[in-house]
Every structure is written in C-alpha cells, then in structure tokens.
Amino acid sequence: MNERKNKLSVILQLFVTFFKIGAFTFGGGYAMIPLIQKEVCENKKWLTDEDILEIVAIAESTPGPIAINTATFVGYRTAGFFGAFFCTLGVVLPSFLIITVISYILSEFRELKAVQYAFFGIRAGVLALIVKALWSMYKQCPKNPISYIIAALAFILAAVLDVNVLIVIISSAIIGLIYSFVAMKKEVKK
C-alpha cells in the first residue's frame, strides 16, 4: 500500500513538473532540455545527467517533437507507463489550453478589421519564413542536375498535380538512392 502511494506521489510530481516546464518554456523543444535536466536530475534526482543525455539522444532520433519524446522517456524511466503518460500530458496540456483559449478569442473577434489585418501580416510573415527555409535547404542541397530534376519533379507533383506529399518524399528518396547507387557503381569501375 505504501509503495503504491509513493508511486502515485511520484507520478503526480512528474505531471506537475512537466506541466510547469510546458507552461513556462518558450522557444521550442530544445529550449526545454536544460529545464528538464535541471528539474529531473538536480532538483528531483529522479535520473542522472547520463540518463538525460541518453534520453535526449533517443528523443532526437524518434519521430515527433523532442520535448514530448523526452518527457515520455523520462516518465517511463521514472515511473513506467503511467509516468510516461502523465509526463507527456503535463508537457502538452499548457500549449493545448493556451491555443484553445486563443482560438476561442480569435473566433469571437474574427470580424474585427484589426484581427483581419493582423492575420494578413501573420500570413506574410509565415510566407517569408517558408521562403527562408526553402533558401536554406537549397544552399544545403547538392548542386548537380539530378538534384534539380528531383526538386522540380517534387514541386510539380506536390504543387501542381496535388500528389500526396508522403508519396513525393518517398519517391524522391528512392530516386536519390538509385542515383547514388548508380554513381557509386560508376566510381568503382573507374
């Protein structure tokens, strides 16, 4: 009975800790890592610094946001399935609540000219960020004809022909692998 009560107490502490981290960290998942390390290793002593490094490495290599993955792994290591569940819930819940409130407020004031102009500016800003990301990816892309062909075909398939993006990405990867394989075979023959 006492062990069960202790485990429930740890799960509640995990939830509260990750709720605070989720509520007061701005700047994305990587900004949460130092807070997670401080709370989990230094303040609560649930895990060691080496454990956190291992968890972050796993969280980076699995699909999904790093902060959520890290919270899930910390919770699982600390208190099993329910620890993972409540850490994940704790880190996600603040953003969910804030976005819900903001969307309600915005839907109530959608017809106001100021709100419409704000969204006009936000859309322009987002477009600029997308173009910046495109430019950064272009600079990192290999400069050879096959890369340009893959990029052009991917754009035509996704933007013009409305092919599912997942199919476009997988097809691009396959073409890139085939090209690399053929290029390596040619290199070996020389």
C-alpha atoms as a PDB file:
ATOM      1  CA  MET A   1       0.000   0.000   0.000  1.00  0.00           C
ATOM      2  CA  ASN A   2       2.783   2.399   0.960  1.00  0.00           C
ATOM      3  CA  GLU A   3       4.713   1.595  -2.251  1.00  0.00           C
ATOM      4  CA  ARG A   4       1.623   2.301  -4.343  1.00  0.00           C
ATOM      5  CA  LYS A   5       1.070   5.614  -2.546  1.00  0.00           C
ATOM      6  CA  ASN A   6       4.734   6.529  -3.164  1.00  0.00           C
ATOM      7  CA  LYS A   7       4.413   5.714  -6.889  1.00  0.00           C
ATOM      8  CA  LEU A   8       1.250   7.838  -7.172  1.00  0.00           C
ATOM      9  CA  SER A   9       3.094  10.688  -5.462  1.00  0.00           C
ATOM     10  CA  VAL A  10       5.969  10.418  -7.953  1.00  0.00           C
ATOM     11  CA  ILE A  11       3.533  10.351 -10.895  1.00  0.00           C
ATOM     12  CA  LEU A  12       1.780  13.462  -9.566  1.00  0.00           C
ATOM     13  CA  GLN A  13       5.155  15.194  -9.115  1.00  0.00           C
ATOM     14  CA  LEU A  14       6.116  14.207 -12.676  1.00  0.00           C
ATOM     15  CA  PHE A  15       2.880  15.677 -14.025  1.00  0.00           C
ATOM     16  CA  VAL A  16       3.277  18.944 -12.109  1.00  0.00           C
ATOM     17  CA  THR A  17       6.960  19.257 -13.056  1.00  0.00           C
ATOM     18  CA  PHE A  18       6.315  18.754 -16.761  1.00  0.00           C
ATOM     19  CA  PHE A  19       3.214  20.950 -16.674  1.00  0.00           C
ATOM     20  CA  LYS A  20       5.392  23.796 -15.344  1.00  0.00           C
ATOM     21  CA  ILE A  21       8.066  23.119 -17.965  1.00  0.00           C
ATOM     22  CA  GLY A  22       5.428  23.094 -20.717  1.00  0.00           C
ATOM     23  CA  ALA A  23       3.786  26.263 -19.430  1.00  0.00           C
ATOM     24  CA  PHE A  24       6.839  28.429 -18.918  1.00  0.00           C
ATOM     25  CA  THR A  25       9.253  27.432 -21.668  1.00  0.00           C
ATOM     26  CA  PHE A  26       9.257  29.414 -24.890  1.00  0.00           C
ATOM     27  CA  GLY A  27      11.351  28.753 -27.957  1.00  0.00           C
ATOM     28  CA  GLY A  28      10.572  25.141 -28.785  1.00  0.00           C
ATOM     29  CA  GLY A  29      11.608  21.739 -27.591  1.00  0.00           C
ATOM     30  CA  TYR A  30      15.342  22.333 -27.432  1.00  0.00           C
ATOM     31  CA  ALA A  31      14.746  25.212 -25.029  1.00  0.00           C
ATOM     32  CA  MET A  32      13.057  22.729 -22.661  1.00  0.00           C
ATOM     33  CA  ILE A  33      16.012  20.327 -22.425  1.00  0.00           C
ATOM     34  CA  PRO A  34      18.033  22.379 -19.877  1.00  0.00           C
ATOM     35  CA  LEU A  35      14.919  22.841 -17.723  1.00  0.00           C
ATOM     36  CA  ILE A  36      14.127  19.127 -17.892  1.00  0.00           C
ATOM     37  CA  GLN A  37      17.718  18.295 -16.935  1.00  0.00           C
ATOM     38  CA  LYS A  38      17.685  20.758 -14.012  1.00  0.00           C
ATOM     39  CA  GLU A  39      14.336  19.576 -12.645  1.00  0.00           C
ATOM     40  CA  VAL A  40      14.788  15.838 -13.212  1.00  0.00           C
ATOM     41  CA  CYS A  41      18.483  15.485 -12.309  1.00  0.00           C
ATOM     42  CA  GLU A  42      19.370  18.324  -9.967  1.00  0.00           C
ATOM     43  CA  ASN A  43      16.138  19.181  -8.150  1.00  0.00           C
ATOM     44  CA  LYS A  44      14.231  15.879  -8.002  1.00  0.00           C
ATOM     45  CA  LYS A  45      17.174  13.467  -8.522  1.00  0.00           C
ATOM     46  CA  TRP A  46      14.967  11.032 -10.438  1.00  0.00           C
ATOM     47  CA  LEU A  47      17.655  10.430 -13.072  1.00  0.00           C
ATOM     48  CA  THR A  48      21.332  11.178 -13.682  1.00  0.00           C
ATOM     49  CA  ASP A  49      22.842  13.548 -16.246  1.00  0.00           C
ATOM     50  CA  GLU A  50      23.984  10.500 -18.237  1.00  0.00           C
ATOM     51  CA  ASP A  51      20.393   9.221 -18.291  1.00  0.00           C
ATOM     52  CA  ILE A  52      19.186  12.571 -19.680  1.00  0.00           C
ATOM     53  CA  LEU A  53      21.872  12.559 -22.389  1.00  0.00           C
ATOM     54  CA  GLU A  54      20.785   9.066 -23.409  1.00  0.00           C
ATOM     55  CA  ILE A  55      17.101  10.039 -23.350  1.00  0.00           C
ATOM     56  CA  VAL A  56      17.708  13.171 -25.442  1.00  0.00           C
ATOM     57  CA  ALA A  57      19.679  11.133 -27.997  1.00  0.00           C
ATOM     58  CA  ILE A  58      16.773   8.680 -28.263  1.00  0.00           C
ATOM     59  CA  ALA A  59      14.209  11.507 -28.353  1.00  0.00           C
ATOM     60  CA  GLU A  60      16.068  13.194 -31.220  1.00  0.00           C
ATOM     61  CA  SER A  61      16.139  10.002 -33.268  1.00  0.00           C
ATOM     62  CA  THR A  62      12.461   9.107 -32.884  1.00  0.00           C
ATOM     63  CA  PRO A  63       9.577  10.748 -34.752  1.00  0.00           C
ATOM     64  CA  GLY A  64       7.820  13.627 -33.036  1.00  0.00           C
ATOM     65  CA  PRO A  65       8.725  16.757 -31.103  1.00  0.00           C
ATOM     66  CA  ILE A  66      11.830  16.375 -28.966  1.00  0.00           C
ATOM     67  CA  ALA A  67      10.248  17.883 -25.829  1.00  0.00           C
ATOM     68  CA  ILE A  68       7.325  15.464 -25.914  1.00  0.00           C
ATOM     69  CA  ASN A  69       9.582  12.488 -26.638  1.00  0.00           C
ATOM     70  CA  THR A  70      11.942  13.491 -23.828  1.00  0.00           C
ATOM     71  CA  ALA A  71       9.059  13.896 -21.374  1.00  0.00           C
ATOM     72  CA  THR A  72       7.692  10.497 -22.365  1.00  0.00           C
ATOM     73  CA  PHE A  73      11.045   8.755 -21.917  1.00  0.00           C
ATOM     74  CA  VAL A  74      11.756  10.493 -18.590  1.00  0.00           C
ATOM     75  CA  GLY A  75       8.320   9.489 -17.301  1.00  0.00           C
ATOM     76  CA  TYR A  76       8.770   5.895 -18.425  1.00  0.00           C
ATOM     77  CA  ARG A  77      12.224   5.626 -16.849  1.00  0.00           C
ATOM     78  CA  THR A  78      10.963   7.160 -13.625  1.00  0.00           C
ATOM     79  CA  ALA A  79       7.524   5.571 -13.141  1.00  0.00           C
ATOM     80  CA  GLY A  80       6.742   3.233 -16.034  1.00  0.00           C
ATOM     81  CA  PHE A  81       3.731   3.555 -18.344  1.00  0.00           C
ATOM     82  CA  PHE A  82       1.731   5.943 -16.154  1.00  0.00           C
ATOM     83  CA  GLY A  83       4.797   8.094 -15.581  1.00  0.00           C
ATOM     84  CA  ALA A  84       5.227   8.361 -19.358  1.00  0.00           C
ATOM     85  CA  PHE A  85       1.546   9.132 -19.845  1.00  0.00           C
ATOM     86  CA  PHE A  86       1.371  11.882 -17.218  1.00  0.00           C
ATOM     87  CA  CYS A  87       4.710  13.486 -18.203  1.00  0.00           C
ATOM     88  CA  THR A  88       3.522  13.655 -21.802  1.00  0.00           C
ATOM     89  CA  LEU A  89       0.148  15.022 -20.736  1.00  0.00           C
ATOM     90  CA  GLY A  90       1.845  17.555 -18.456  1.00  0.00           C
ATOM     91  CA  VAL A  91       4.174  18.930 -21.133  1.00  0.00           C
ATOM     92  CA  VAL A  92       1.424  19.130 -23.811  1.00  0.00           C
ATOM     93  CA  LEU A  93      -1.508  20.387 -21.746  1.00  0.00           C
ATOM     94  CA  PRO A  94      -0.363  24.017 -21.257  1.00  0.00           C
ATOM     95  CA  SER A  95       0.068  24.588 -25.006  1.00  0.00           C
ATOM     96  CA  PHE A  96      -3.252  22.890 -25.717  1.00  0.00           C
ATOM     97  CA  LEU A  97      -5.076  25.077 -23.203  1.00  0.00           C
ATOM     98  CA  ILE A  98      -3.424  28.291 -24.398  1.00  0.00           C
ATOM     99  CA  ILE A  99      -4.150  27.520 -28.067  1.00  0.00           C
ATOM    100  CA  THR A 100      -7.748  26.623 -27.220  1.00  0.00           C
ATOM    101  CA  VAL A 101      -8.287  29.932 -25.410  1.00  0.00           C
ATOM    102  CA  ILE A 102      -6.602  31.936 -28.179  1.00  0.00           C
ATOM    103  CA  SER A 103      -8.632  30.211 -30.905  1.00  0.00           C
ATOM    104  CA  TYR A 104     -11.856  30.918 -28.989  1.00  0.00           C
ATOM    105  CA  ILE A 105     -10.936  34.576 -28.533  1.00  0.00           C
ATOM    106  CA  LEU A 106      -9.906  34.945 -32.165  1.00  0.00           C
ATOM    107  CA  SER A 107     -13.076  33.278 -33.442  1.00  0.00           C
ATOM    108  CA  GLU A 108     -15.117  35.740 -31.380  1.00  0.00           C
ATOM    109  CA  PHE A 109     -13.256  38.724 -32.851  1.00  0.00           C
ATOM    110  CA  ARG A 110     -12.657  37.366 -36.360  1.00  0.00           C
ATOM    111  CA  GLU A 111     -14.802  40.056 -37.973  1.00  0.00           C
ATOM    112  CA  LEU A 112     -12.829  42.935 -36.479  1.00  0.00           C
ATOM    113  CA  LYS A 113     -10.674  44.738 -39.041  1.00  0.00           C
ATOM    114  CA  ALA A 114      -7.692  44.800 -36.662  1.00  0.00           C
ATOM    115  CA  VAL A 115      -7.778  40.992 -36.333  1.00  0.00           C
ATOM    116  CA  GLN A 116      -8.085  40.588 -40.122  1.00  0.00           C
ATOM    117  CA  TYR A 117      -5.091  42.881 -40.666  1.00  0.00           C
ATOM    118  CA  ALA A 118      -3.121  41.014 -38.011  1.00  0.00           C
ATOM    119  CA  PHE A 119      -3.725  37.714 -39.817  1.00  0.00           C
ATOM    120  CA  PHE A 120      -2.783  39.370 -43.108  1.00  0.00           C
ATOM    121  CA  GLY A 121       0.560  40.296 -41.527  1.00  0.00           C
ATOM    122  CA  ILE A 122       0.976  36.871 -39.934  1.00  0.00           C
ATOM    123  CA  ARG A 123       0.420  35.145 -43.301  1.00  0.00           C
ATOM    124  CA  ALA A 124       3.037  37.401 -44.900  1.00  0.00           C
ATOM    125  CA  GLY A 125       5.480  36.627 -42.094  1.00  0.00           C
ATOM    126  CA  VAL A 126       4.882  32.880 -42.386  1.00  0.00           C
ATOM    127  CA  LEU A 127       5.421  33.069 -46.139  1.00  0.00           C
ATOM    128  CA  ALA A 128       8.746  34.820 -45.532  1.00  0.00           C
ATOM    129  CA  LEU A 129       9.775  32.082 -43.082  1.00  0.00           C
ATOM    130  CA  ILE A 130       8.866  29.380 -45.600  1.00  0.00           C
ATOM    131  CA  VAL A 131      10.905  31.117 -48.313  1.00  0.00           C
ATOM    132  CA  LYS A 132      13.837  31.411 -45.878  1.00  0.00           C
ATOM    133  CA  ALA A 133      13.605  27.685 -45.083  1.00  0.00           C
ATOM    134  CA  LEU A 134      13.471  26.934 -48.810  1.00  0.00           C
ATOM    135  CA  TRP A 135      16.579  29.058 -49.411  1.00  0.00           C
ATOM    136  CA  SER A 136      18.457  27.362 -46.542  1.00  0.00           C
ATOM    137  CA  MET A 137      17.566  23.909 -47.854  1.00  0.00           C
ATOM    138  CA  TYR A 138      18.571  24.937 -51.376  1.00  0.00           C
ATOM    139  CA  LYS A 139      22.020  26.009 -50.126  1.00  0.00           C
ATOM    140  CA  GLN A 140      22.498  22.607 -48.453  1.00  0.00           C
ATOM    141  CA  CYS A 141      21.259  20.607 -51.441  1.00  0.00           C
ATOM    142  CA  PRO A 142      23.917  19.050 -53.691  1.00  0.00           C
ATOM    143  CA  LYS A 143      24.417  21.157 -56.817  1.00  0.00           C
ATOM    144  CA  ASN A 144      24.027  18.593 -59.601  1.00  0.00           C
ATOM    145  CA  PRO A 145      21.478  18.049 -62.369  1.00  0.00           C
ATOM    146  CA  ILE A 146      19.727  15.128 -60.658  1.00  0.00           C
ATOM    147  CA  SER A 147      19.082  17.270 -57.532  1.00  0.00           C
ATOM    148  CA  TYR A 148      17.473  19.975 -59.663  1.00  0.00           C
ATOM    149  CA  ILE A 149      15.401  17.376 -61.533  1.00  0.00           C
ATOM    150  CA  ILE A 150      14.197  15.787 -58.267  1.00  0.00           C
ATOM    151  CA  ALA A 151      13.320  19.220 -56.827  1.00  0.00           C
ATOM    152  CA  ALA A 152      11.425  20.246 -59.980  1.00  0.00           C
ATOM    153  CA  LEU A 153       9.537  16.951 -60.180  1.00  0.00           C
ATOM    154  CA  ALA A 154       8.686  17.068 -56.472  1.00  0.00           C
ATOM    155  CA  PHE A 155       7.361  20.612 -56.841  1.00  0.00           C
ATOM    156  CA  ILE A 156       5.253  19.713 -59.888  1.00  0.00           C
ATOM    157  CA  LEU A 157       3.864  16.576 -58.243  1.00  0.00           C
ATOM    158  CA  ALA A 158       3.015  18.281 -54.930  1.00  0.00           C
ATOM    159  CA  ALA A 159       2.012  21.799 -56.008  1.00  0.00           C
ATOM    160  CA  VAL A 160       0.568  21.320 -59.471  1.00  0.00           C
ATOM    161  CA  LEU A 161      -0.711  17.739 -59.582  1.00  0.00           C
ATOM    162  CA  ASP A 162      -1.662  17.636 -55.860  1.00  0.00           C
ATOM    163  CA  VAL A 163       0.043  14.266 -55.252  1.00  0.00           C
ATOM    164  CA  ASN A 164       0.228  13.234 -51.584  1.00  0.00           C
ATOM    165  CA  VAL A 165       3.362  14.739 -50.006  1.00  0.00           C
ATOM    166  CA  LEU A 166       4.335  11.433 -48.385  1.00  0.00           C
ATOM    167  CA  ILE A 167       4.424   9.775 -51.821  1.00  0.00           C
ATOM    168  CA  VAL A 168       6.520  12.661 -53.179  1.00  0.00           C
ATOM    169  CA  ILE A 169       9.040  12.369 -50.316  1.00  0.00           C
ATOM    170  CA  ILE A 170       9.339   8.592 -50.599  1.00  0.00           C
ATOM    171  CA  SER A 171       9.674   8.797 -54.390  1.00  0.00           C
ATOM    172  CA  SER A 172      12.363  11.471 -54.079  1.00  0.00           C
ATOM    173  CA  ALA A 173      14.263   9.315 -51.588  1.00  0.00           C
ATOM    174  CA  ILE A 174      14.068   6.298 -53.894  1.00  0.00           C
ATOM    175  CA  ILE A 175      15.304   8.313 -56.894  1.00  0.00           C
ATOM    176  CA  GLY A 176      18.144   9.716 -54.760  1.00  0.00           C
ATOM    177  CA  LEU A 177      19.124   6.233 -53.577  1.00  0.00           C
ATOM    178  CA  ILE A 178      19.070   4.827 -57.106  1.00  0.00           C
ATOM    179  CA  TYR A 179      21.163   7.749 -58.372  1.00  0.00           C
ATOM    180  CA  SER A 180      23.675   7.306 -55.531  1.00  0.00           C
ATOM    181  CA  PHE A 181      23.886   3.559 -56.153  1.00  0.00           C
ATOM    182  CA  VAL A 182      24.495   4.059 -59.898  1.00  0.00           C
ATOM    183  CA  ALA A 183      27.053   6.815 -59.219  1.00  0.00           C
ATOM    184  CA  MET A 184      28.927   4.599 -56.741  1.00  0.00           C
ATOM    185  CA  LYS A 185      28.996   1.716 -59.255  1.00  0.00           C
ATOM    186  CA  LYS A 186      30.447   4.045 -61.902  1.00  0.00           C
ATOM    187  CA  GLU A 187      33.033   5.282 -59.398  1.00  0.00           C
ATOM    188  CA  VAL A 188      34.109   1.715 -58.539  1.00  0.00           C
ATOM    189  CA  LYS A 189      34.510   0.824 -62.249  1.00  0.00           C
ATOM    190  CA  LYS A 190      36.956   3.730 -62.777  1.00  0.00           C
END
